[in-house]
Amino acid sequence: MTMPLVGISACTKTFHAFPVHSVHSRFAEVMVEVVGAAPLLVPPVGEHIDIPDLVSRFDGIVTTGSPSNVQPHLYGQEPDPENTNFDPGRDATTLPMLREAARQGVPVLAICRGIQELNVAFGGTLHQFVHKVPGCQDHRSVKTRPMGGRAALRHAVMLAEGGLLRRIAGGRAIEMVNSLHAEGLDRVADGFMVEALAPDGAIEGISRPGGAFCLGVQWHPETLYQHNAFARAIFAAFGEAVKAHAMGIGAVRAA
């Protein structure tokens, strides 16, 4: 069997005054090292490509973290005056890609901005700034820490009984995660279950039961997988789903 192919969402950024499409290298590395798949970056040019055809070529899809936020009008809100960092091209790519993945049964792993995209794609809403929600902590990265330390473990998450994350964790109810996000989930989309909660009640994980593997987490396991068993297990579980999908496609093509 050829190596499965996983599409990884890229962002629009500026490098030396030039626009570029980029993704953190850890996402590609963990696809090869743990998932056992070939990574292919998906540029944020959704309105210019055939999304259903693109998704049909993948055995899995990862929507990644990003400094940018999902545009509030996509979930029925006006932007907070402080919420100014958007990537419309990425929204136009990832949201239809996630819906198409569900339609075609392609496994999905959605991380940080990715979980927010997943929720919005299916009709959920977001808090534009979690730290402005009464009773919630500030989940943004600690800018006073050195860059390499900002992704360190920071708070616990409580994993839902009977949920996918609890199974991935080997039955453990509590795991430690990192925290580098300003936005967060508000109303969870219909058809999804809450998989994990922070101590302040912030939603940290969701899944879509009853179909292909579809998991969203608010933290960044790609920065932890080399030394954290729970983070690695998340990618391993995704990898199992990706390989199963690839084998199914292979059987159809072979026929």
C-alpha atoms as a PDB file:
ATOM      1  CA  MET A   1       0.000   0.000   0.000  1.00  0.00           C
ATOM      2  CA  THR A   2       1.270   3.468  -0.827  1.00  0.00           C
ATOM      3  CA  MET A   3       1.660   5.954   2.015  1.00  0.00           C
ATOM      4  CA  PRO A   4      -1.666   7.638   2.922  1.00  0.00           C
ATOM      5  CA  LEU A   5      -2.022  11.305   2.037  1.00  0.00           C
ATOM      6  CA  VAL A   6      -3.083  13.905   4.620  1.00  0.00           C
ATOM      7  CA  GLY A   7      -4.039  17.464   3.697  1.00  0.00           C
ATOM      8  CA  ILE A   8      -2.819  20.115   6.133  1.00  0.00           C
ATOM      9  CA  SER A   9      -4.362  23.594   6.100  1.00  0.00           C
ATOM     10  CA  ALA A  10      -1.920  26.456   5.523  1.00  0.00           C
ATOM     11  CA  CYS A  11      -2.242  30.143   6.427  1.00  0.00           C
ATOM     12  CA  THR A  12      -1.616  33.438   4.658  1.00  0.00           C
ATOM     13  CA  LYS A  13       1.321  35.229   6.255  1.00  0.00           C
ATOM     14  CA  THR A  14       3.907  37.857   5.358  1.00  0.00           C
ATOM     15  CA  PHE A  15       7.601  37.050   5.098  1.00  0.00           C
ATOM     16  CA  HIS A  16      10.044  39.864   4.257  1.00  0.00           C
ATOM     17  CA  ALA A  17       7.088  41.908   2.943  1.00  0.00           C
ATOM     18  CA  PHE A  18       5.952  39.076   0.629  1.00  0.00           C
ATOM     19  CA  PRO A  19       2.737  37.087   1.106  1.00  0.00           C
ATOM     20  CA  VAL A  20       3.382  33.387   1.725  1.00  0.00           C
ATOM     21  CA  HIS A  21       1.366  30.285   2.524  1.00  0.00           C
ATOM     22  CA  SER A  22       2.790  28.484   5.537  1.00  0.00           C
ATOM     23  CA  VAL A  23       2.291  25.935   8.305  1.00  0.00           C
ATOM     24  CA  HIS A  24       4.389  25.087  11.359  1.00  0.00           C
ATOM     25  CA  SER A  25       6.895  22.355  10.470  1.00  0.00           C
ATOM     26  CA  ARG A  26       5.780  20.194  13.422  1.00  0.00           C
ATOM     27  CA  PHE A  27       2.507  19.389  11.638  1.00  0.00           C
ATOM     28  CA  ALA A  28       4.346  17.856   8.705  1.00  0.00           C
ATOM     29  CA  GLU A  29       6.845  16.093  10.967  1.00  0.00           C
ATOM     30  CA  VAL A  30       4.226  14.388  13.132  1.00  0.00           C
ATOM     31  CA  MET A  31       2.359  13.183  10.040  1.00  0.00           C
ATOM     32  CA  VAL A  32       5.447  11.257   8.961  1.00  0.00           C
ATOM     33  CA  GLU A  33       6.708  10.203  12.393  1.00  0.00           C
ATOM     34  CA  VAL A  34       3.454   9.142  14.097  1.00  0.00           C
ATOM     35  CA  VAL A  35       0.524   9.184  11.658  1.00  0.00           C
ATOM     36  CA  GLY A  36       2.525   7.378   8.976  1.00  0.00           C
ATOM     37  CA  ALA A  37       1.227   9.587   6.187  1.00  0.00           C
ATOM     38  CA  ALA A  38       2.604  11.908   3.553  1.00  0.00           C
ATOM     39  CA  PRO A  39       1.692  15.542   4.347  1.00  0.00           C
ATOM     40  CA  LEU A  40       0.399  17.860   1.630  1.00  0.00           C
ATOM     41  CA  LEU A  41      -0.120  21.541   2.428  1.00  0.00           C
ATOM     42  CA  VAL A  42      -3.443  23.011   1.308  1.00  0.00           C
ATOM     43  CA  PRO A  43      -3.027  26.708   0.460  1.00  0.00           C
ATOM     44  CA  PRO A  44      -5.818  29.108   1.493  1.00  0.00           C
ATOM     45  CA  VAL A  45      -7.235  29.554  -2.002  1.00  0.00           C
ATOM     46  CA  GLY A  46     -10.546  27.784  -1.553  1.00  0.00           C
ATOM     47  CA  GLU A  47     -12.561  29.869  -3.963  1.00  0.00           C
ATOM     48  CA  HIS A  48     -10.162  28.887  -6.762  1.00  0.00           C
ATOM     49  CA  ILE A  49     -10.132  25.108  -6.316  1.00  0.00           C
ATOM     50  CA  ASP A  50     -12.600  22.248  -6.502  1.00  0.00           C
ATOM     51  CA  ILE A  51     -12.970  21.363  -2.813  1.00  0.00           C
ATOM     52  CA  PRO A  52     -14.879  18.065  -3.303  1.00  0.00           C
ATOM     53  CA  ASP A  53     -12.271  16.839  -5.789  1.00  0.00           C
ATOM     54  CA  LEU A  54      -9.445  17.894  -3.474  1.00  0.00           C
ATOM     55  CA  VAL A  55     -10.942  16.133  -0.447  1.00  0.00           C
ATOM     56  CA  SER A  56     -11.478  12.951  -2.476  1.00  0.00           C
ATOM     57  CA  ARG A  57      -7.699  12.671  -2.871  1.00  0.00           C
ATOM     58  CA  PHE A  58      -7.004  12.712   0.883  1.00  0.00           C
ATOM     59  CA  ASP A  59      -7.021   9.946   3.470  1.00  0.00           C
ATOM     60  CA  GLY A  60      -7.144  12.504   6.278  1.00  0.00           C
ATOM     61  CA  ILE A  61      -7.342  16.243   6.889  1.00  0.00           C
ATOM     62  CA  VAL A  62      -5.693  18.338   9.599  1.00  0.00           C
ATOM     63  CA  THR A  63      -6.787  21.910  10.249  1.00  0.00           C
ATOM     64  CA  THR A  64      -4.024  23.689  12.107  1.00  0.00           C
ATOM     65  CA  GLY A  65      -3.524  26.437  14.651  1.00  0.00           C
ATOM     66  CA  SER A  66      -2.864  30.005  13.513  1.00  0.00           C
ATOM     67  CA  PRO A  67      -2.515  33.538  14.902  1.00  0.00           C
ATOM     68  CA  SER A  68      -5.520  34.528  12.778  1.00  0.00           C
ATOM     69  CA  ASN A  69      -9.151  34.167  13.859  1.00  0.00           C
ATOM     70  CA  VAL A  70     -12.258  32.907  12.098  1.00  0.00           C
ATOM     71  CA  GLN A  71     -14.224  35.845  10.680  1.00  0.00           C
ATOM     72  CA  PRO A  72     -17.101  36.578  13.094  1.00  0.00           C
ATOM     73  CA  HIS A  73     -19.682  37.129  10.361  1.00  0.00           C
ATOM     74  CA  LEU A  74     -19.359  33.423   9.564  1.00  0.00           C
ATOM     75  CA  TYR A  75     -21.013  32.627  12.898  1.00  0.00           C
ATOM     76  CA  GLY A  76     -23.403  35.574  13.034  1.00  0.00           C
ATOM     77  CA  GLN A  77     -21.408  38.113  15.061  1.00  0.00           C
ATOM     78  CA  GLU A  78     -19.852  41.526  14.594  1.00  0.00           C
ATOM     79  CA  PRO A  79     -16.100  41.642  15.273  1.00  0.00           C
ATOM     80  CA  ASP A  80     -14.875  42.795  18.657  1.00  0.00           C
ATOM     81  CA  PRO A  81     -12.863  46.037  18.114  1.00  0.00           C
ATOM     82  CA  GLU A  82      -9.745  44.171  19.277  1.00  0.00           C
ATOM     83  CA  ASN A  83     -10.362  41.250  16.919  1.00  0.00           C
ATOM     84  CA  THR A  84      -8.605  42.315  13.716  1.00  0.00           C
ATOM     85  CA  ASN A  85      -6.419  39.394  12.557  1.00  0.00           C
ATOM     86  CA  PHE A  86      -8.335  37.445   9.917  1.00  0.00           C
ATOM     87  CA  ASP A  87      -7.473  35.135   7.011  1.00  0.00           C
ATOM     88  CA  PRO A  88     -10.492  35.090   4.649  1.00  0.00           C
ATOM     89  CA  GLY A  89      -8.768  32.790   2.181  1.00  0.00           C
ATOM     90  CA  ARG A  90      -8.234  30.186   4.873  1.00  0.00           C
ATOM     91  CA  ASP A  91     -11.873  30.415   6.002  1.00  0.00           C
ATOM     92  CA  ALA A  92     -12.959  29.953   2.388  1.00  0.00           C
ATOM     93  CA  THR A  93     -10.839  26.812   2.208  1.00  0.00           C
ATOM     94  CA  THR A  94     -11.140  25.055   5.553  1.00  0.00           C
ATOM     95  CA  LEU A  95     -14.840  25.442   6.281  1.00  0.00           C
ATOM     96  CA  PRO A  96     -16.055  23.844   3.028  1.00  0.00           C
ATOM     97  CA  MET A  97     -13.210  21.312   3.236  1.00  0.00           C
ATOM     98  CA  LEU A  98     -14.374  20.177   6.685  1.00  0.00           C
ATOM     99  CA  ARG A  99     -17.977  19.861   5.552  1.00  0.00           C
ATOM    100  CA  GLU A 100     -16.882  17.892   2.500  1.00  0.00           C
ATOM    101  CA  ALA A 101     -14.692  15.624   4.626  1.00  0.00           C
ATOM    102  CA  ALA A 102     -17.755  14.717   6.701  1.00  0.00           C
ATOM    103  CA  ARG A 103     -19.742  14.038   3.544  1.00  0.00           C
ATOM    104  CA  GLN A 104     -17.029  11.807   2.066  1.00  0.00           C
ATOM    105  CA  GLY A 105     -16.076  10.093   5.328  1.00  0.00           C
ATOM    106  CA  VAL A 106     -12.507  11.415   5.435  1.00  0.00           C
ATOM    107  CA  PRO A 107     -10.925  11.450   8.933  1.00  0.00           C
ATOM    108  CA  VAL A 108     -10.381  14.903  10.476  1.00  0.00           C
ATOM    109  CA  LEU A 109      -8.128  16.189  13.236  1.00  0.00           C
ATOM    110  CA  ALA A 110      -8.756  19.867  14.028  1.00  0.00           C
ATOM    111  CA  ILE A 111      -6.282  21.745  16.241  1.00  0.00           C
ATOM    112  CA  CYS A 112      -6.689  25.177  17.937  1.00  0.00           C
ATOM    113  CA  ARG A 113      -7.970  27.455  15.139  1.00  0.00           C
ATOM    114  CA  GLY A 114      -8.917  24.185  13.522  1.00  0.00           C
ATOM    115  CA  ILE A 115     -11.412  23.226  16.246  1.00  0.00           C
ATOM    116  CA  GLN A 116     -12.949  26.679  15.927  1.00  0.00           C
ATOM    117  CA  GLU A 117     -13.276  26.198  12.164  1.00  0.00           C
ATOM    118  CA  LEU A 118     -14.790  22.763  12.706  1.00  0.00           C
ATOM    119  CA  ASN A 119     -17.423  24.153  15.063  1.00  0.00           C
ATOM    120  CA  VAL A 120     -18.292  27.091  12.801  1.00  0.00           C
ATOM    121  CA  ALA A 121     -18.381  24.900   9.675  1.00  0.00           C
ATOM    122  CA  PHE A 122     -21.289  22.961  11.152  1.00  0.00           C
ATOM    123  CA  GLY A 123     -23.216  25.893  12.637  1.00  0.00           C
ATOM    124  CA  GLY A 124     -21.593  26.467  16.035  1.00  0.00           C
ATOM    125  CA  THR A 125     -20.444  29.803  17.446  1.00  0.00           C
ATOM    126  CA  LEU A 126     -17.317  31.169  19.112  1.00  0.00           C
ATOM    127  CA  HIS A 127     -16.206  33.440  21.911  1.00  0.00           C
ATOM    128  CA  GLN A 128     -13.936  35.943  20.209  1.00  0.00           C
ATOM    129  CA  PHE A 129     -11.940  36.366  23.420  1.00  0.00           C
ATOM    130  CA  VAL A 130     -12.220  33.683  26.075  1.00  0.00           C
ATOM    131  CA  HIS A 131     -10.655  35.891  28.748  1.00  0.00           C
ATOM    132  CA  LYS A 132     -13.565  38.353  28.347  1.00  0.00           C
ATOM    133  CA  VAL A 133     -16.112  35.650  29.243  1.00  0.00           C
ATOM    134  CA  PRO A 134     -17.127  35.935  32.924  1.00  0.00           C
ATOM    135  CA  GLY A 135     -15.528  33.186  34.979  1.00  0.00           C
ATOM    136  CA  CYS A 136     -13.029  32.138  32.308  1.00  0.00           C
ATOM    137  CA  GLN A 137      -9.273  32.335  32.602  1.00  0.00           C
ATOM    138  CA  ASP A 138      -6.892  33.908  30.097  1.00  0.00           C
ATOM    139  CA  HIS A 139      -5.993  31.058  27.738  1.00  0.00           C
ATOM    140  CA  ARG A 140      -3.592  33.066  25.588  1.00  0.00           C
ATOM    141  CA  SER A 141       0.092  32.173  25.474  1.00  0.00           C
ATOM    142  CA  VAL A 142       2.263  33.773  28.137  1.00  0.00           C
ATOM    143  CA  LYS A 143       4.253  36.306  26.140  1.00  0.00           C
ATOM    144  CA  THR A 144       6.781  36.825  28.923  1.00  0.00           C
ATOM    145  CA  ARG A 145       7.987  33.235  28.512  1.00  0.00           C
ATOM    146  CA  PRO A 146      10.733  32.396  25.998  1.00  0.00           C
ATOM    147  CA  MET A 147       9.267  31.324  22.654  1.00  0.00           C
ATOM    148  CA  GLY A 148      10.131  27.669  23.222  1.00  0.00           C
ATOM    149  CA  GLY A 149       8.404  27.625  26.607  1.00  0.00           C
ATOM    150  CA  ARG A 150       5.098  29.139  25.572  1.00  0.00           C
ATOM    151  CA  ALA A 151       3.769  25.749  24.471  1.00  0.00           C
ATOM    152  CA  ALA A 152       4.539  24.021  27.790  1.00  0.00           C
ATOM    153  CA  LEU A 153       1.815  22.189  29.733  1.00  0.00           C
ATOM    154  CA  ARG A 154      -0.363  24.734  31.477  1.00  0.00           C
ATOM    155  CA  HIS A 155      -3.713  23.423  32.705  1.00  0.00           C
ATOM    156  CA  ALA A 156      -5.730  20.243  33.075  1.00  0.00           C
ATOM    157  CA  VAL A 157      -8.624  19.116  30.922  1.00  0.00           C
ATOM    158  CA  MET A 158     -11.415  16.868  32.111  1.00  0.00           C
ATOM    159  CA  LEU A 159     -12.201  14.204  29.510  1.00  0.00           C
ATOM    160  CA  ALA A 160     -15.820  13.183  28.972  1.00  0.00           C
ATOM    161  CA  GLU A 161     -16.814   9.706  30.101  1.00  0.00           C
ATOM    162  CA  GLY A 162     -17.442   7.504  27.085  1.00  0.00           C
ATOM    163  CA  GLY A 163     -15.770   9.987  24.768  1.00  0.00           C
ATOM    164  CA  LEU A 164     -13.139   9.504  22.106  1.00  0.00           C
ATOM    165  CA  LEU A 165     -10.476  11.421  24.030  1.00  0.00           C
ATOM    166  CA  ARG A 166     -11.074   9.344  27.175  1.00  0.00           C
ATOM    167  CA  ARG A 167     -10.493   6.205  25.100  1.00  0.00           C
ATOM    168  CA  ILE A 168      -7.370   7.704  23.524  1.00  0.00           C
ATOM    169  CA  ALA A 169      -6.126   8.540  27.035  1.00  0.00           C
ATOM    170  CA  GLY A 170      -6.497   4.896  28.076  1.00  0.00           C
ATOM    171  CA  GLY A 171      -9.434   5.635  30.366  1.00  0.00           C
ATOM    172  CA  ARG A 172      -7.823   8.509  32.263  1.00  0.00           C
ATOM    173  CA  ALA A 173     -10.252  11.304  33.143  1.00  0.00           C
ATOM    174  CA  ILE A 174      -7.744  14.153  33.424  1.00  0.00           C
ATOM    175  CA  GLU A 175      -4.807  15.155  31.234  1.00  0.00           C
ATOM    176  CA  MET A 176      -2.539  18.188  31.156  1.00  0.00           C
ATOM    177  CA  VAL A 177      -2.429  20.343  28.013  1.00  0.00           C
ATOM    178  CA  ASN A 178      -0.915  23.596  26.802  1.00  0.00           C
ATOM    179  CA  SER A 179      -2.877  26.776  26.095  1.00  0.00           C
ATOM    180  CA  LEU A 180      -2.199  29.308  23.326  1.00  0.00           C
ATOM    181  CA  HIS A 181      -5.584  30.581  22.184  1.00  0.00           C
ATOM    182  CA  ALA A 182      -7.648  33.746  22.478  1.00  0.00           C
ATOM    183  CA  GLU A 183     -10.801  32.481  20.755  1.00  0.00           C
ATOM    184  CA  GLY A 184     -12.804  29.542  22.035  1.00  0.00           C
ATOM    185  CA  LEU A 185     -15.976  27.582  21.456  1.00  0.00           C
ATOM    186  CA  ASP A 186     -19.307  28.970  22.628  1.00  0.00           C
ATOM    187  CA  ARG A 187     -22.339  27.069  21.302  1.00  0.00           C
ATOM    188  CA  VAL A 188     -21.288  23.643  20.063  1.00  0.00           C
ATOM    189  CA  ALA A 189     -22.575  22.665  16.629  1.00  0.00           C
ATOM    190  CA  ASP A 190     -25.440  20.185  16.405  1.00  0.00           C
ATOM    191  CA  GLY A 191     -24.270  16.603  16.112  1.00  0.00           C
ATOM    192  CA  PHE A 192     -21.062  17.171  18.085  1.00  0.00           C
ATOM    193  CA  MET A 193     -20.271  16.131  21.652  1.00  0.00           C
ATOM    194  CA  VAL A 194     -18.052  17.936  24.131  1.00  0.00           C
ATOM    195  CA  GLU A 195     -14.955  15.818  24.713  1.00  0.00           C
ATOM    196  CA  ALA A 196     -12.932  17.971  27.122  1.00  0.00           C
ATOM    197  CA  LEU A 197     -13.366  20.927  29.470  1.00  0.00           C
ATOM    198  CA  ALA A 198     -10.819  23.207  31.126  1.00  0.00           C
ATOM    199  CA  PRO A 199     -11.226  23.855  34.875  1.00  0.00           C
ATOM    200  CA  ASP A 200     -12.928  27.186  34.094  1.00  0.00           C
ATOM    201  CA  GLY A 201     -15.496  25.464  31.862  1.00  0.00           C
ATOM    202  CA  ALA A 202     -13.918  26.440  28.547  1.00  0.00           C
ATOM    203  CA  ILE A 203     -14.585  23.806  25.879  1.00  0.00           C
ATOM    204  CA  GLU A 204     -11.280  22.180  24.917  1.00  0.00           C
ATOM    205  CA  GLY A 205     -12.380  19.249  22.768  1.00  0.00           C
ATOM    206  CA  ILE A 206     -15.261  18.105  20.555  1.00  0.00           C
ATOM    207  CA  SER A 207     -15.989  15.101  18.357  1.00  0.00           C
ATOM    208  CA  ARG A 208     -18.608  14.089  15.814  1.00  0.00           C
ATOM    209  CA  PRO A 209     -19.852  10.608  16.723  1.00  0.00           C
ATOM    210  CA  GLY A 210     -21.455   8.251  14.267  1.00  0.00           C
ATOM    211  CA  GLY A 211     -19.212   8.806  11.272  1.00  0.00           C
ATOM    212  CA  ALA A 212     -15.563   8.926  10.283  1.00  0.00           C
ATOM    213  CA  PHE A 213     -12.953   9.929  12.881  1.00  0.00           C
ATOM    214  CA  CYS A 214     -13.587  13.617  13.598  1.00  0.00           C
ATOM    215  CA  LEU A 215     -11.861  15.180  16.606  1.00  0.00           C
ATOM    216  CA  GLY A 216     -11.114  18.781  17.518  1.00  0.00           C
ATOM    217  CA  VAL A 217      -8.813  19.902  20.340  1.00  0.00           C
ATOM    218  CA  GLN A 218      -8.163  23.440  21.509  1.00  0.00           C
ATOM    219  CA  TRP A 219      -4.563  22.835  22.587  1.00  0.00           C
ATOM    220  CA  HIS A 220      -1.444  22.058  20.508  1.00  0.00           C
ATOM    221  CA  PRO A 221      -0.468  18.368  20.657  1.00  0.00           C
ATOM    222  CA  GLU A 222       1.903  18.850  17.713  1.00  0.00           C
ATOM    223  CA  THR A 223       4.265  20.760  20.015  1.00  0.00           C
ATOM    224  CA  LEU A 224       4.122  18.007  22.672  1.00  0.00           C
ATOM    225  CA  TYR A 225       4.071  14.666  20.877  1.00  0.00           C
ATOM    226  CA  GLN A 226       7.804  13.985  21.118  1.00  0.00           C
ATOM    227  CA  HIS A 227       7.700  13.782  24.928  1.00  0.00           C
ATOM    228  CA  ASN A 228       4.010  13.570  25.908  1.00  0.00           C
ATOM    229  CA  ALA A 229       2.195  10.226  25.664  1.00  0.00           C
ATOM    230  CA  PHE A 230      -1.313  11.730  25.448  1.00  0.00           C
ATOM    231  CA  ALA A 231      -0.372  14.057  22.604  1.00  0.00           C
ATOM    232  CA  ARG A 232       1.291  11.222  20.733  1.00  0.00           C
ATOM    233  CA  ALA A 233      -1.723   8.969  21.289  1.00  0.00           C
ATOM    234  CA  ILE A 234      -4.011  11.562  19.653  1.00  0.00           C
ATOM    235  CA  PHE A 235      -1.952  11.446  16.468  1.00  0.00           C
ATOM    236  CA  ALA A 236      -1.661   7.665  16.647  1.00  0.00           C
ATOM    237  CA  ALA A 237      -5.468   7.344  16.829  1.00  0.00           C
ATOM    238  CA  PHE A 238      -5.833   9.703  13.879  1.00  0.00           C
ATOM    239  CA  GLY A 239      -3.223   7.641  12.043  1.00  0.00           C
ATOM    240  CA  GLU A 240      -5.228   4.451  12.531  1.00  0.00           C
ATOM    241  CA  ALA A 241      -8.271   6.137  10.997  1.00  0.00           C
ATOM    242  CA  VAL A 242      -6.202   7.518   8.110  1.00  0.00           C
ATOM    243  CA  LYS A 243      -4.730   4.099   7.296  1.00  0.00           C
ATOM    244  CA  ALA A 244      -8.148   2.444   7.475  1.00  0.00           C
ATOM    245  CA  HIS A 245      -9.509   5.033   5.047  1.00  0.00           C
ATOM    246  CA  ALA A 246      -6.581   4.496   2.697  1.00  0.00           C
ATOM    247  CA  MET A 247      -7.124   0.745   2.706  1.00  0.00           C
ATOM    248  CA  GLY A 248     -10.802   1.222   1.905  1.00  0.00           C
ATOM    249  CA  ILE A 249     -10.014   3.498  -1.015  1.00  0.00           C
ATOM    250  CA  GLY A 250      -7.351   1.067  -2.179  1.00  0.00           C
ATOM    251  CA  ALA A 251      -9.859  -1.778  -2.226  1.00  0.00           C
ATOM    252  CA  VAL A 252     -12.278   0.270  -4.330  1.00  0.00           C
ATOM    253  CA  ARG A 253      -9.569   1.339  -6.773  1.00  0.00           C
ATOM    254  CA  ALA A 254      -8.223  -2.184  -7.013  1.00  0.00           C
ATOM    255  CA  ALA A 255     -11.704  -3.432  -7.882  1.00  0.00           C
END
